[in-house]
Amino acid sequence: EAMFHRMFRLEDIEPGAEHLFYITKRKYTGRPFAVDGV
């Protein structure tokens, strides 16, 4: 887990609080998709 967080630069969505999600920004490399008009 510690290595994965460092490699992918995961960030807490709210520092100091425990939540279900981490996020990071990256370039998308999968198949194209559309959602909510985007």
PDB file of all heavy atoms in Angstrom:
ATOM      1  N   GLU A   1       0.825  -1.207   0.000  1.00  0.00           N
ATOM      2  CA  GLU A   1       0.000   0.000   0.000  1.00  0.00           C
ATOM      3  C   GLU A   1       0.865   1.265   0.000  1.00  0.00           C
ATOM      4  O   GLU A   1       0.592   2.215  -0.742  1.00  0.00           O
ATOM      5  CB  GLU A   1      -0.924   0.007   1.230  1.00  0.00           C
ATOM      6  CG  GLU A   1      -2.146  -0.852   1.074  1.00  0.00           C
ATOM      7  CD  GLU A   1      -3.137  -0.283   0.079  1.00  0.00           C
ATOM      8  OE1 GLU A   1      -3.803   0.708   0.394  1.00  0.00           O
ATOM      9  OE2 GLU A   1      -3.230  -0.842  -1.036  1.00  0.00           O
ATOM     10  N   ALA A   2       1.897   1.285   0.821  1.00  0.00           N
ATOM     11  CA  ALA A   2       2.770   2.455   0.889  1.00  0.00           C
ATOM     12  C   ALA A   2       3.476   2.682  -0.446  1.00  0.00           C
ATOM     13  O   ALA A   2       3.576   3.827  -0.926  1.00  0.00           O
ATOM     14  CB  ALA A   2       3.794   2.273   2.010  1.00  0.00           C
ATOM     15  N   MET A   3       3.962   1.603  -1.076  1.00  0.00           N
ATOM     16  CA  MET A   3       4.625   1.726  -2.372  1.00  0.00           C
ATOM     17  C   MET A   3       3.646   2.202  -3.442  1.00  0.00           C
ATOM     18  O   MET A   3       3.979   3.058  -4.271  1.00  0.00           O
ATOM     19  CB  MET A   3       5.227   0.373  -2.779  1.00  0.00           C
ATOM     20  CG  MET A   3       6.411  -0.064  -1.936  1.00  0.00           C
ATOM     21  SD  MET A   3       6.964  -1.736  -2.382  1.00  0.00           S
ATOM     22  CE  MET A   3       7.306  -1.521  -4.139  1.00  0.00           C
ATOM     23  N   PHE A   4       2.433   1.659  -3.430  1.00  0.00           N
ATOM     24  CA  PHE A   4       1.424   2.022  -4.423  1.00  0.00           C
ATOM     25  C   PHE A   4       1.079   3.503  -4.310  1.00  0.00           C
ATOM     26  O   PHE A   4       0.960   4.202  -5.324  1.00  0.00           O
ATOM     27  CB  PHE A   4       0.178   1.159  -4.216  1.00  0.00           C
ATOM     28  CG  PHE A   4      -0.832   1.266  -5.316  1.00  0.00           C
ATOM     29  CD1 PHE A   4      -0.749   0.434  -6.425  1.00  0.00           C
ATOM     30  CD2 PHE A   4      -1.867   2.188  -5.253  1.00  0.00           C
ATOM     31  CE1 PHE A   4      -1.682   0.523  -7.450  1.00  0.00           C
ATOM     32  CE2 PHE A   4      -2.797   2.288  -6.270  1.00  0.00           C
ATOM     33  CZ  PHE A   4      -2.706   1.446  -7.371  1.00  0.00           C
ATOM     34  N   HIS A   5       0.926   3.980  -3.088  1.00  0.00           N
ATOM     35  CA  HIS A   5       0.595   5.401  -2.881  1.00  0.00           C
ATOM     36  C   HIS A   5       1.700   6.302  -3.410  1.00  0.00           C
ATOM     37  O   HIS A   5       1.426   7.348  -4.015  1.00  0.00           O
ATOM     38  CB  HIS A   5       0.352   5.668  -1.394  1.00  0.00           C
ATOM     39  CG  HIS A   5      -1.038   5.336  -0.954  1.00  0.00           C
ATOM     40  ND1 HIS A   5      -1.882   6.242  -0.363  1.00  0.00           N
ATOM     41  CD2 HIS A   5      -1.734   4.176  -1.046  1.00  0.00           C
ATOM     42  CE1 HIS A   5      -3.039   5.660  -0.105  1.00  0.00           C
ATOM     43  NE2 HIS A   5      -2.970   4.412  -0.502  1.00  0.00           N
ATOM     44  N   ARG A   6       2.939   5.918  -3.188  1.00  0.00           N
ATOM     45  CA  ARG A   6       4.048   6.738  -3.670  1.00  0.00           C
ATOM     46  C   ARG A   6       4.161   6.693  -5.190  1.00  0.00           C
ATOM     47  O   ARG A   6       4.364   7.719  -5.837  1.00  0.00           O
ATOM     48  CB  ARG A   6       5.360   6.294  -3.023  1.00  0.00           C
ATOM     49  CG  ARG A   6       5.497   6.724  -1.567  1.00  0.00           C
ATOM     50  CD  ARG A   6       6.941   6.619  -1.111  1.00  0.00           C
ATOM     51  NE  ARG A   6       7.405   5.233  -1.128  1.00  0.00           N
ATOM     52  CZ  ARG A   6       7.307   4.400  -0.093  1.00  0.00           C
ATOM     53  NH1 ARG A   6       6.741   4.815   1.032  1.00  0.00           N
ATOM     54  NH2 ARG A   6       7.765   3.163  -0.168  1.00  0.00           N
ATOM     55  N   MET A   7       4.045   5.496  -5.756  1.00  0.00           N
ATOM     56  CA  MET A   7       4.189   5.345  -7.202  1.00  0.00           C
ATOM     57  C   MET A   7       3.136   6.135  -7.966  1.00  0.00           C
ATOM     58  O   MET A   7       3.428   6.768  -8.977  1.00  0.00           O
ATOM     59  CB  MET A   7       4.112   3.861  -7.606  1.00  0.00           C
ATOM     60  CG  MET A   7       5.345   3.053  -7.266  1.00  0.00           C
ATOM     61  SD  MET A   7       5.287   1.387  -7.999  1.00  0.00           S
ATOM     62  CE  MET A   7       3.834   0.692  -7.227  1.00  0.00           C
ATOM     63  N   PHE A   8       1.893   6.110  -7.483  1.00  0.00           N
ATOM     64  CA  PHE A   8       0.798   6.745  -8.206  1.00  0.00           C
ATOM     65  C   PHE A   8       0.418   8.109  -7.627  1.00  0.00           C
ATOM     66  O   PHE A   8      -0.543   8.721  -8.074  1.00  0.00           O
ATOM     67  CB  PHE A   8      -0.416   5.814  -8.234  1.00  0.00           C
ATOM     68  CG  PHE A   8      -0.201   4.598  -9.088  1.00  0.00           C
ATOM     69  CD1 PHE A   8       0.265   3.419  -8.533  1.00  0.00           C
ATOM     70  CD2 PHE A   8      -0.426   4.642 -10.453  1.00  0.00           C
ATOM     71  CE1 PHE A   8       0.483   2.294  -9.326  1.00  0.00           C
ATOM     72  CE2 PHE A   8      -0.215   3.534 -11.250  1.00  0.00           C
ATOM     73  CZ  PHE A   8       0.251   2.356 -10.683  1.00  0.00           C
ATOM     74  N   ARG A   9       1.177   8.559  -6.621  1.00  0.00           N
ATOM     75  CA  ARG A   9       0.990   9.896  -6.050  1.00  0.00           C
ATOM     76  C   ARG A   9      -0.459  10.136  -5.615  1.00  0.00           C
ATOM     77  O   ARG A   9      -1.061  11.158  -5.941  1.00  0.00           O
ATOM     78  CB  ARG A   9       1.435  10.964  -7.048  1.00  0.00           C
ATOM     79  CG  ARG A   9       2.911  10.845  -7.426  1.00  0.00           C
ATOM     80  CD  ARG A   9       3.317  11.908  -8.410  1.00  0.00           C
ATOM     81  NE  ARG A   9       4.726  11.776  -8.777  1.00  0.00           N
ATOM     82  CZ  ARG A   9       5.343  12.562  -9.663  1.00  0.00           C
ATOM     83  NH1 ARG A   9       4.678  13.529 -10.265  1.00  0.00           N
ATOM     84  NH2 ARG A   9       6.621  12.378  -9.939  1.00  0.00           N
ATOM     85  N   LEU A  10      -0.991   9.179  -4.882  1.00  0.00           N
ATOM     86  CA  LEU A  10      -2.361   9.304  -4.402  1.00  0.00           C
ATOM     87  C   LEU A  10      -2.450  10.365  -3.319  1.00  0.00           C
ATOM     88  O   LEU A  10      -1.550  10.498  -2.488  1.00  0.00           O
ATOM     89  CB  LEU A  10      -2.860   7.963  -3.856  1.00  0.00           C
ATOM     90  CG  LEU A  10      -2.810   6.769  -4.812  1.00  0.00           C
ATOM     91  CD1 LEU A  10      -3.517   5.567  -4.193  1.00  0.00           C
ATOM     92  CD2 LEU A  10      -3.414   7.104  -6.165  1.00  0.00           C
ATOM     93  N   GLU A  11      -3.554  11.101  -3.327  1.00  0.00           N
ATOM     94  CA  GLU A  11      -3.749  12.190  -2.370  1.00  0.00           C
ATOM     95  C   GLU A  11      -5.032  11.974  -1.584  1.00  0.00           C
ATOM     96  O   GLU A  11      -6.041  11.495  -2.112  1.00  0.00           O
ATOM     97  CB  GLU A  11      -3.820  13.532  -3.105  1.00  0.00           C
ATOM     98  CG  GLU A  11      -2.563  13.870  -3.883  1.00  0.00           C
ATOM     99  CD  GLU A  11      -2.667  15.219  -4.589  1.00  0.00           C
ATOM    100  OE1 GLU A  11      -3.720  15.886  -4.443  1.00  0.00           O
ATOM    101  OE2 GLU A  11      -1.714  15.592  -5.280  1.00  0.00           O
ATOM    102  N   ASP A  12      -5.001  12.349  -0.303  1.00  0.00           N
ATOM    103  CA  ASP A  12      -6.217  12.341   0.509  1.00  0.00           C
ATOM    104  C   ASP A  12      -7.193  13.370  -0.043  1.00  0.00           C
ATOM    105  O   ASP A  12      -6.784  14.458  -0.460  1.00  0.00           O
ATOM    106  CB  ASP A  12      -5.896  12.697   1.960  1.00  0.00           C
ATOM    107  CG  ASP A  12      -5.070  11.635   2.660  1.00  0.00           C
ATOM    108  OD1 ASP A  12      -5.315  10.445   2.413  1.00  0.00           O
ATOM    109  OD2 ASP A  12      -4.175  12.011   3.442  1.00  0.00           O
ATOM    110  N   ILE A  13      -8.479  13.054  -0.018  1.00  0.00           N
ATOM    111  CA  ILE A  13      -9.453  14.053  -0.449  1.00  0.00           C
ATOM    112  C   ILE A  13      -9.721  15.076   0.656  1.00  0.00           C
ATOM    113  O   ILE A  13     -10.214  16.166   0.379  1.00  0.00           O
ATOM    114  CB  ILE A  13     -10.773  13.404  -0.914  1.00  0.00           C
ATOM    115  CG1 ILE A  13     -11.398  12.554   0.195  1.00  0.00           C
ATOM    116  CG2 ILE A  13     -10.531  12.559  -2.159  1.00  0.00           C
ATOM    117  CD1 ILE A  13     -12.764  11.995  -0.170  1.00  0.00           C
ATOM    118  N   GLU A  14      -9.372  14.724   1.882  1.00  0.00           N
ATOM    119  CA  GLU A  14      -9.507  15.661   3.008  1.00  0.00           C
ATOM    120  C   GLU A  14      -8.413  15.319   4.019  1.00  0.00           C
ATOM    121  O   GLU A  14      -8.560  14.373   4.794  1.00  0.00           O
ATOM    122  CB  GLU A  14     -10.890  15.556   3.651  1.00  0.00           C
ATOM    123  CG  GLU A  14     -11.121  16.593   4.740  1.00  0.00           C
ATOM    124  CD  GLU A  14     -12.517  16.516   5.316  1.00  0.00           C
ATOM    125  OE1 GLU A  14     -13.168  15.449   5.217  1.00  0.00           O
ATOM    126  OE2 GLU A  14     -12.966  17.527   5.868  1.00  0.00           O
ATOM    127  N   PRO A  15      -7.304  16.049   4.004  1.00  0.00           N
ATOM    128  CA  PRO A  15      -6.195  15.747   4.915  1.00  0.00           C
ATOM    129  C   PRO A  15      -6.652  15.679   6.366  1.00  0.00           C
ATOM    130  O   PRO A  15      -7.423  16.519   6.837  1.00  0.00           O
ATOM    131  CB  PRO A  15      -5.230  16.918   4.692  1.00  0.00           C
ATOM    132  CG  PRO A  15      -5.514  17.362   3.290  1.00  0.00           C
ATOM    133  CD  PRO A  15      -7.010  17.185   3.124  1.00  0.00           C
ATOM    134  N   GLY A  16      -6.208  14.640   7.058  1.00  0.00           N
ATOM    135  CA  GLY A  16      -6.542  14.485   8.468  1.00  0.00           C
ATOM    136  C   GLY A  16      -7.826  13.735   8.733  1.00  0.00           C
ATOM    137  O   GLY A  16      -8.159  13.468   9.885  1.00  0.00           O
ATOM    138  N   ALA A  17      -8.555  13.381   7.669  1.00  0.00           N
ATOM    139  CA  ALA A  17      -9.814  12.642   7.835  1.00  0.00           C
ATOM    140  C   ALA A  17      -9.736  11.345   7.039  1.00  0.00           C
ATOM    141  O   ALA A  17      -9.026  11.254   6.044  1.00  0.00           O
ATOM    142  CB  ALA A  17     -10.998  13.479   7.366  1.00  0.00           C
ATOM    143  N   GLU A  18     -10.471  10.334   7.485  1.00  0.00           N
ATOM    144  CA  GLU A  18     -10.475   9.044   6.811  1.00  0.00           C
ATOM    145  C   GLU A  18     -11.670   8.949   5.882  1.00  0.00           C
ATOM    146  O   GLU A  18     -12.817   9.097   6.308  1.00  0.00           O
ATOM    147  CB  GLU A  18     -10.527   7.910   7.836  1.00  0.00           C
ATOM    148  CG  GLU A  18     -10.362   6.528   7.226  1.00  0.00           C
ATOM    149  CD  GLU A  18     -10.336   5.427   8.265  1.00  0.00           C
ATOM    150  OE1 GLU A  18     -11.270   5.376   9.090  1.00  0.00           O
ATOM    151  OE2 GLU A  18      -9.377   4.634   8.262  1.00  0.00           O
ATOM    152  N   HIS A  19     -11.406   8.722   4.613  1.00  0.00           N
ATOM    153  CA  HIS A  19     -12.469   8.579   3.621  1.00  0.00           C
ATOM    154  C   HIS A  19     -12.208   7.354   2.758  1.00  0.00           C
ATOM    155  O   HIS A  19     -11.112   6.783   2.768  1.00  0.00           O
ATOM    156  CB  HIS A  19     -12.554   9.830   2.742  1.00  0.00           C
ATOM    157  CG  HIS A  19     -13.093  11.028   3.458  1.00  0.00           C
ATOM    158  ND1 HIS A  19     -14.408  11.146   3.842  1.00  0.00           N
ATOM    159  CD2 HIS A  19     -12.476  12.180   3.862  1.00  0.00           C
ATOM    160  CE1 HIS A  19     -14.593  12.312   4.453  1.00  0.00           C
ATOM    161  NE2 HIS A  19     -13.437  12.944   4.475  1.00  0.00           N
ATOM    162  N   LEU A  20     -13.213   6.985   1.963  1.00  0.00           N
ATOM    163  CA  LEU A  20     -13.110   5.792   1.136  1.00  0.00           C
ATOM    164  C   LEU A  20     -12.269   6.009  -0.111  1.00  0.00           C
ATOM    165  O   LEU A  20     -11.812   5.055  -0.722  1.00  0.00           O
ATOM    166  CB  LEU A  20     -14.511   5.305   0.732  1.00  0.00           C
ATOM    167  CG  LEU A  20     -14.593   3.955   0.007  1.00  0.00           C
ATOM    168  CD1 LEU A  20     -14.033   2.829   0.867  1.00  0.00           C
ATOM    169  CD2 LEU A  20     -16.029   3.649  -0.402  1.00  0.00           C
ATOM    170  N   PHE A  21     -12.049   7.271  -0.492  1.00  0.00           N
ATOM    171  CA  PHE A  21     -11.379   7.549  -1.756  1.00  0.00           C
ATOM    172  C   PHE A  21     -10.037   8.255  -1.587  1.00  0.00           C
ATOM    173  O   PHE A  21      -9.872   9.085  -0.684  1.00  0.00           O
ATOM    174  CB  PHE A  21     -12.254   8.439  -2.647  1.00  0.00           C
ATOM    175  CG  PHE A  21     -13.652   7.953  -2.828  1.00  0.00           C
ATOM    176  CD1 PHE A  21     -14.734   8.720  -2.405  1.00  0.00           C
ATOM    177  CD2 PHE A  21     -13.915   6.722  -3.419  1.00  0.00           C
ATOM    178  CE1 PHE A  21     -16.032   8.282  -2.568  1.00  0.00           C
ATOM    179  CE2 PHE A  21     -15.206   6.274  -3.585  1.00  0.00           C
ATOM    180  CZ  PHE A  21     -16.273   7.054  -3.167  1.00  0.00           C
ATOM    181  N   TYR A  22      -9.130   7.920  -2.486  1.00  0.00           N
ATOM    182  CA  TYR A  22      -7.945   8.730  -2.772  1.00  0.00           C
ATOM    183  C   TYR A  22      -8.051   9.152  -4.227  1.00  0.00           C
ATOM    184  O   TYR A  22      -8.715   8.482  -5.031  1.00  0.00           O
ATOM    185  CB  TYR A  22      -6.653   7.921  -2.585  1.00  0.00           C
ATOM    186  CG  TYR A  22      -6.380   7.485  -1.172  1.00  0.00           C
ATOM    187  CD1 TYR A  22      -6.537   6.152  -0.800  1.00  0.00           C
ATOM    188  CD2 TYR A  22      -5.946   8.394  -0.212  1.00  0.00           C
ATOM    189  CE1 TYR A  22      -6.275   5.737   0.494  1.00  0.00           C
ATOM    190  CE2 TYR A  22      -5.677   7.986   1.085  1.00  0.00           C
ATOM    191  CZ  TYR A  22      -5.851   6.657   1.432  1.00  0.00           C
ATOM    192  OH  TYR A  22      -5.589   6.258   2.710  1.00  0.00           O
ATOM    193  N   ILE A  23      -7.406  10.247  -4.593  1.00  0.00           N
ATOM    194  CA  ILE A  23      -7.451  10.686  -5.978  1.00  0.00           C
ATOM    195  C   ILE A  23      -6.064  11.098  -6.464  1.00  0.00           C
ATOM    196  O   ILE A  23      -5.169  11.400  -5.671  1.00  0.00           O
ATOM    197  CB  ILE A  23      -8.427  11.873  -6.185  1.00  0.00           C
ATOM    198  CG1 ILE A  23      -8.070  13.057  -5.271  1.00  0.00           C
ATOM    199  CG2 ILE A  23      -9.864  11.430  -5.974  1.00  0.00           C
ATOM    200  CD1 ILE A  23      -8.925  14.292  -5.506  1.00  0.00           C
ATOM    201  N   THR A  24      -5.913  11.107  -7.772  1.00  0.00           N
ATOM    202  CA  THR A  24      -4.708  11.613  -8.411  1.00  0.00           C
ATOM    203  C   THR A  24      -5.077  12.042  -9.819  1.00  0.00           C
ATOM    204  O   THR A  24      -6.069  11.553 -10.379  1.00  0.00           O
ATOM    205  CB  THR A  24      -3.597  10.549  -8.438  1.00  0.00           C
ATOM    206  OG1 THR A  24      -2.391  11.131  -8.915  1.00  0.00           O
ATOM    207  CG2 THR A  24      -3.961   9.382  -9.339  1.00  0.00           C
ATOM    208  N   LYS A  25      -4.319  12.956 -10.391  1.00  0.00           N
ATOM    209  CA  LYS A  25      -4.572  13.386 -11.769  1.00  0.00           C
ATOM    210  C   LYS A  25      -3.567  12.718 -12.690  1.00  0.00           C
ATOM    211  O   LYS A  25      -2.382  12.656 -12.362  1.00  0.00           O
ATOM    212  CB  LYS A  25      -4.469  14.910 -11.896  1.00  0.00           C
ATOM    213  CG  LYS A  25      -4.964  15.408 -13.256  1.00  0.00           C
ATOM    214  CD  LYS A  25      -5.017  16.927 -13.322  1.00  0.00           C
ATOM    215  CE  LYS A  25      -3.647  17.501 -13.628  1.00  0.00           C
ATOM    216  NZ  LYS A  25      -3.706  18.944 -13.954  1.00  0.00           N
ATOM    217  N   ARG A  26      -4.062  12.231 -13.834  1.00  0.00           N
ATOM    218  CA  ARG A  26      -3.166  11.596 -14.791  1.00  0.00           C
ATOM    219  C   ARG A  26      -3.756  11.700 -16.192  1.00  0.00           C
ATOM    220  O   ARG A  26      -4.893  12.146 -16.366  1.00  0.00           O
ATOM    221  CB  ARG A  26      -2.905  10.149 -14.418  1.00  0.00           C
ATOM    222  CG  ARG A  26      -4.116   9.242 -14.485  1.00  0.00           C
ATOM    223  CD  ARG A  26      -3.740   7.796 -14.176  1.00  0.00           C
ATOM    224  NE  ARG A  26      -3.168   7.651 -12.849  1.00  0.00           N
ATOM    225  CZ  ARG A  26      -1.870   7.502 -12.620  1.00  0.00           C
ATOM    226  NH1 ARG A  26      -1.004   7.488 -13.605  1.00  0.00           N
ATOM    227  NH2 ARG A  26      -1.422   7.361 -11.387  1.00  0.00           N
ATOM    228  N   LYS A  27      -2.998  11.270 -17.174  1.00  0.00           N
ATOM    229  CA  LYS A  27      -3.470  11.198 -18.547  1.00  0.00           C
ATOM    230  C   LYS A  27      -4.223   9.878 -18.732  1.00  0.00           C
ATOM    231  O   LYS A  27      -3.714   8.805 -18.374  1.00  0.00           O
ATOM    232  CB  LYS A  27      -2.306  11.269 -19.535  1.00  0.00           C
ATOM    233  CG  LYS A  27      -1.484  12.550 -19.445  1.00  0.00           C
ATOM    234  CD  LYS A  27      -2.250  13.751 -19.946  1.00  0.00           C
ATOM    235  CE  LYS A  27      -1.350  14.983 -19.991  1.00  0.00           C
ATOM    236  NZ  LYS A  27      -2.073  16.189 -20.437  1.00  0.00           N
ATOM    237  N   TYR A  28      -5.387   9.955 -19.313  1.00  0.00           N
ATOM    238  CA  TYR A  28      -6.200   8.763 -19.518  1.00  0.00           C
ATOM    239  C   TYR A  28      -5.634   7.936 -20.672  1.00  0.00           C
ATOM    240  O   TYR A  28      -5.308   8.479 -21.727  1.00  0.00           O
ATOM    241  CB  TYR A  28      -7.645   9.159 -19.817  1.00  0.00           C
ATOM    242  CG  TYR A  28      -8.574   7.994 -20.014  1.00  0.00           C
ATOM    243  CD1 TYR A  28      -8.892   7.148 -18.958  1.00  0.00           C
ATOM    244  CD2 TYR A  28      -9.132   7.736 -21.265  1.00  0.00           C
ATOM    245  CE1 TYR A  28      -9.746   6.073 -19.129  1.00  0.00           C
ATOM    246  CE2 TYR A  28      -9.988   6.665 -21.445  1.00  0.00           C
ATOM    247  CZ  TYR A  28     -10.294   5.834 -20.379  1.00  0.00           C
ATOM    248  OH  TYR A  28     -11.130   4.764 -20.551  1.00  0.00           O
ATOM    249  N   THR A  29      -5.527   6.630 -20.492  1.00  0.00           N
ATOM    250  CA  THR A  29      -4.946   5.769 -21.524  1.00  0.00           C
ATOM    251  C   THR A  29      -5.872   4.626 -21.946  1.00  0.00           C
ATOM    252  O   THR A  29      -5.458   3.746 -22.700  1.00  0.00           O
ATOM    253  CB  THR A  29      -3.609   5.168 -21.046  1.00  0.00           C
ATOM    254  OG1 THR A  29      -3.834   4.434 -19.827  1.00  0.00           O
ATOM    255  CG2 THR A  29      -2.575   6.255 -20.799  1.00  0.00           C
ATOM    256  N   GLY A  30      -7.108   4.637 -21.464  1.00  0.00           N
ATOM    257  CA  GLY A  30      -8.034   3.561 -21.813  1.00  0.00           C
ATOM    258  C   GLY A  30      -8.853   3.874 -23.056  1.00  0.00           C
ATOM    259  O   GLY A  30      -8.533   4.779 -23.834  1.00  0.00           O
ATOM    260  N   ARG A  31      -9.928   3.091 -23.217  1.00  0.00           N
ATOM    261  CA  ARG A  31     -10.824   3.306 -24.346  1.00  0.00           C
ATOM    262  C   ARG A  31     -11.628   4.590 -24.131  1.00  0.00           C
ATOM    263  O   ARG A  31     -12.025   4.895 -23.000  1.00  0.00           O
ATOM    264  CB  ARG A  31     -11.779   2.128 -24.508  1.00  0.00           C
ATOM    265  CG  ARG A  31     -11.108   0.845 -24.958  1.00  0.00           C
ATOM    266  CD  ARG A  31     -12.135  -0.195 -25.363  1.00  0.00           C
ATOM    267  NE  ARG A  31     -13.016  -0.562 -24.263  1.00  0.00           N
ATOM    268  CZ  ARG A  31     -13.994  -1.460 -24.360  1.00  0.00           C
ATOM    269  NH1 ARG A  31     -14.212  -2.059 -25.515  1.00  0.00           N
ATOM    270  NH2 ARG A  31     -14.732  -1.755 -23.320  1.00  0.00           N
ATOM    271  N   PRO A  32     -11.918   5.359 -25.195  1.00  0.00           N
ATOM    272  CA  PRO A  32     -12.718   6.579 -25.047  1.00  0.00           C
ATOM    273  C   PRO A  32     -14.084   6.269 -24.448  1.00  0.00           C
ATOM    274  O   PRO A  32     -14.648   5.182 -24.663  1.00  0.00           O
ATOM    275  CB  PRO A  32     -12.847   7.092 -26.488  1.00  0.00           C
ATOM    276  CG  PRO A  32     -11.666   6.519 -27.204  1.00  0.00           C
ATOM    277  CD  PRO A  32     -11.453   5.161 -26.589  1.00  0.00           C
ATOM    278  N   PHE A  33     -14.622   7.204 -23.679  1.00  0.00           N
ATOM    279  CA  PHE A  33     -15.968   7.052 -23.142  1.00  0.00           C
ATOM    280  C   PHE A  33     -16.604   8.433 -23.020  1.00  0.00           C
ATOM    281  O   PHE A  33     -15.929   9.462 -23.095  1.00  0.00           O
ATOM    282  CB  PHE A  33     -15.956   6.338 -21.790  1.00  0.00           C
ATOM    283  CG  PHE A  33     -15.309   7.110 -20.669  1.00  0.00           C
ATOM    284  CD1 PHE A  33     -16.033   8.028 -19.910  1.00  0.00           C
ATOM    285  CD2 PHE A  33     -13.962   6.907 -20.353  1.00  0.00           C
ATOM    286  CE1 PHE A  33     -15.439   8.726 -18.860  1.00  0.00           C
ATOM    287  CE2 PHE A  33     -13.364   7.600 -19.316  1.00  0.00           C
ATOM    288  CZ  PHE A  33     -14.101   8.514 -18.568  1.00  0.00           C
ATOM    289  N   ALA A  34     -17.910   8.436 -22.855  1.00  0.00           N
ATOM    290  CA  ALA A  34     -18.649   9.680 -22.654  1.00  0.00           C
ATOM    291  C   ALA A  34     -19.532   9.518 -21.425  1.00  0.00           C
ATOM    292  O   ALA A  34     -20.134   8.455 -21.214  1.00  0.00           O
ATOM    293  CB  ALA A  34     -19.490  10.018 -23.875  1.00  0.00           C
ATOM    294  N   VAL A  35     -19.592  10.563 -20.604  1.00  0.00           N
ATOM    295  CA  VAL A  35     -20.426  10.523 -19.408  1.00  0.00           C
ATOM    296  C   VAL A  35     -20.930  11.929 -19.117  1.00  0.00           C
ATOM    297  O   VAL A  35     -20.169  12.902 -19.178  1.00  0.00           O
ATOM    298  CB  VAL A  35     -19.637   9.962 -18.196  1.00  0.00           C
ATOM    299  CG1 VAL A  35     -18.392  10.789 -17.892  1.00  0.00           C
ATOM    300  CG2 VAL A  35     -20.520   9.848 -16.966  1.00  0.00           C
ATOM    301  N   ASP A  36     -22.227  12.052 -18.849  1.00  0.00           N
ATOM    302  CA  ASP A  36     -22.836  13.350 -18.508  1.00  0.00           C
ATOM    303  C   ASP A  36     -22.533  14.411 -19.565  1.00  0.00           C
ATOM    304  O   ASP A  36     -22.337  15.589 -19.252  1.00  0.00           O
ATOM    305  CB  ASP A  36     -22.340  13.840 -17.142  1.00  0.00           C
ATOM    306  CG  ASP A  36     -22.595  12.837 -16.027  1.00  0.00           C
ATOM    307  OD1 ASP A  36     -23.622  12.146 -16.081  1.00  0.00           O
ATOM    308  OD2 ASP A  36     -21.750  12.725 -15.113  1.00  0.00           O
ATOM    309  N   GLY A  37     -22.463  14.007 -20.827  1.00  0.00           N
ATOM    310  CA  GLY A  37     -22.190  14.958 -21.892  1.00  0.00           C
ATOM    311  C   GLY A  37     -20.729  15.313 -22.070  1.00  0.00           C
ATOM    312  O   GLY A  37     -20.387  16.161 -22.907  1.00  0.00           O
ATOM    313  N   VAL A  38     -19.847  14.691 -21.303  1.00  0.00           N
ATOM    314  CA  VAL A  38     -18.407  14.941 -21.403  1.00  0.00           C
ATOM    315  C   VAL A  38     -17.749  13.757 -22.106  1.00  0.00           C
ATOM    316  O   VAL A  38     -17.941  12.601 -21.701  1.00  0.00           O
ATOM    317  CB  VAL A  38     -17.780  15.138 -20.008  1.00  0.00           C
ATOM    318  CG1 VAL A  38     -16.259  15.240 -20.100  1.00  0.00           C
ATOM    319  CG2 VAL A  38     -18.366  16.370 -19.340  1.00  0.00           C
TER     320      VAL A  38
END
